[in-house]
Amino acid sequence: MRNKQESNDNIRGLRVEVRNGDVNQALRRFKKKVTEDGVLQEVRDRSEYTKPSIKRARAKAAGRARHLKRIEKRKNDLGY
C-alpha cells in the first residue's frame, strides 16, 4: 500500500492550505493562484468555438491597446 505522502504527490491541481481556520484568506490566495495560472481565462476561451479570424482580431486589438498604454505611460513619465 502507498502511504499518504506518496498519494498526495500525485494529485494534480491548485491547492491552498487553510491556516488557523482562516477560510477567507485561503479563498483570496486560491483566487490569486487561479488568476495567475489562467484557469478562468482558459475556461472562457473553451466555452464556445471562436473563429481564427476573431482570435487574430482580438490579439491585434490587445496588442494595440498595450502599445497605446505604453505610449501614454511614456508621455506621462517623460513628457513626450
Protein backbone atom coordinates (compact mmCIF):
# COMPACT_ATOMS: atom_id res chain seq x y z
CA MET A 1 0.00 0.00 0.00
CA ARG A 2 1.09 3.53 -0.67
CA ASN A 3 1.48 5.91 2.17
CA LYS A 4 -0.40 9.19 2.38
CA GLN A 5 2.56 11.34 1.27
CA GLU A 6 3.04 9.41 -1.99
CA SER A 7 -0.65 9.63 -2.87
CA ASN A 8 -0.72 13.41 -2.23
CA ASP A 9 2.24 14.00 -4.55
CA ASN A 10 0.33 12.52 -7.48
CA ILE A 11 -2.70 14.79 -7.06
CA ARG A 12 -2.77 17.49 -9.70
CA GLY A 13 -4.37 20.89 -9.48
CA LEU A 14 -4.23 24.01 -7.40
CA ARG A 15 -4.31 23.64 -3.65
CA VAL A 16 -4.33 26.17 -0.84
CA GLU A 17 -3.77 25.33 2.79
CA VAL A 18 -6.23 26.82 5.29
CA ARG A 19 -4.22 28.15 8.21
CA ASN A 20 -5.73 28.85 11.64
CA GLY A 21 -9.23 28.33 10.27
CA ASP A 22 -8.95 31.49 8.12
CA VAL A 23 -11.03 30.39 5.13
CA ASN A 24 -11.36 33.93 3.73
CA GLN A 25 -7.57 34.31 3.47
CA ALA A 26 -7.30 30.87 1.86
CA LEU A 27 -10.03 31.79 -0.62
CA ARG A 28 -8.19 35.01 -1.55
CA ARG A 29 -4.96 33.05 -2.09
CA PHE A 30 -6.84 30.47 -4.18
CA LYS A 31 -8.42 33.16 -6.37
CA LYS A 32 -4.99 34.73 -6.89
CA LYS A 33 -3.49 31.38 -7.89
CA VAL A 34 -6.35 30.67 -10.30
CA THR A 35 -5.95 34.11 -11.88
CA GLU A 36 -2.17 33.79 -12.22
CA ASP A 37 -2.49 30.31 -13.68
CA GLY A 38 -5.03 31.49 -16.26
CA VAL A 39 -7.61 28.82 -15.46
CA LEU A 40 -10.65 31.08 -15.72
CA GLN A 41 -9.47 32.62 -18.98
CA GLU A 42 -8.98 29.16 -20.47
CA VAL A 43 -12.47 28.11 -19.37
CA ARG A 44 -13.94 31.19 -21.02
CA ASP A 45 -11.95 30.57 -24.18
CA ARG A 46 -13.07 26.94 -24.39
CA SER A 47 -16.72 27.59 -23.59
CA GLU A 48 -17.52 28.21 -27.26
CA TYR A 49 -15.75 27.97 -30.59
CA THR A 50 -14.01 31.13 -31.75
CA LYS A 51 -13.12 31.52 -35.40
CA PRO A 52 -9.42 32.02 -36.14
CA SER A 53 -10.13 35.42 -37.71
CA ILE A 54 -11.81 36.58 -34.50
CA LYS A 55 -8.84 35.30 -32.46
CA ARG A 56 -6.45 37.27 -34.67
CA ALA A 57 -8.58 40.40 -34.42
CA ARG A 58 -8.69 40.14 -30.62
CA ALA A 59 -4.94 39.57 -30.42
CA LYS A 60 -4.31 42.56 -32.68
CA ALA A 61 -6.63 44.76 -30.61
CA ALA A 62 -4.91 43.65 -27.39
CA GLY A 63 -1.50 44.42 -28.88
CA ARG A 64 -2.68 47.84 -29.98
CA ALA A 65 -4.07 48.54 -26.50
CA ARG A 66 -0.75 47.52 -24.92
CA HIS A 67 1.13 49.75 -27.35
CA LEU A 68 -1.11 52.76 -26.70
CA LYS A 69 -0.85 52.17 -22.94
CA ARG A 70 2.96 52.11 -23.22
CA ILE A 71 2.94 55.35 -25.25
CA GLU A 72 0.63 57.04 -22.73
CA LYS A 73 2.83 55.95 -19.82
CA ARG A 74 5.94 57.25 -21.57
CA LYS A 75 4.17 60.54 -22.31
CA ASN A 76 3.25 60.94 -18.63
CA ASP A 77 6.69 59.92 -17.36
CA LEU A 78 8.94 61.73 -19.82
CA GLY A 79 6.67 64.40 -21.21
CA TYR A 80 6.80 63.30 -24.85
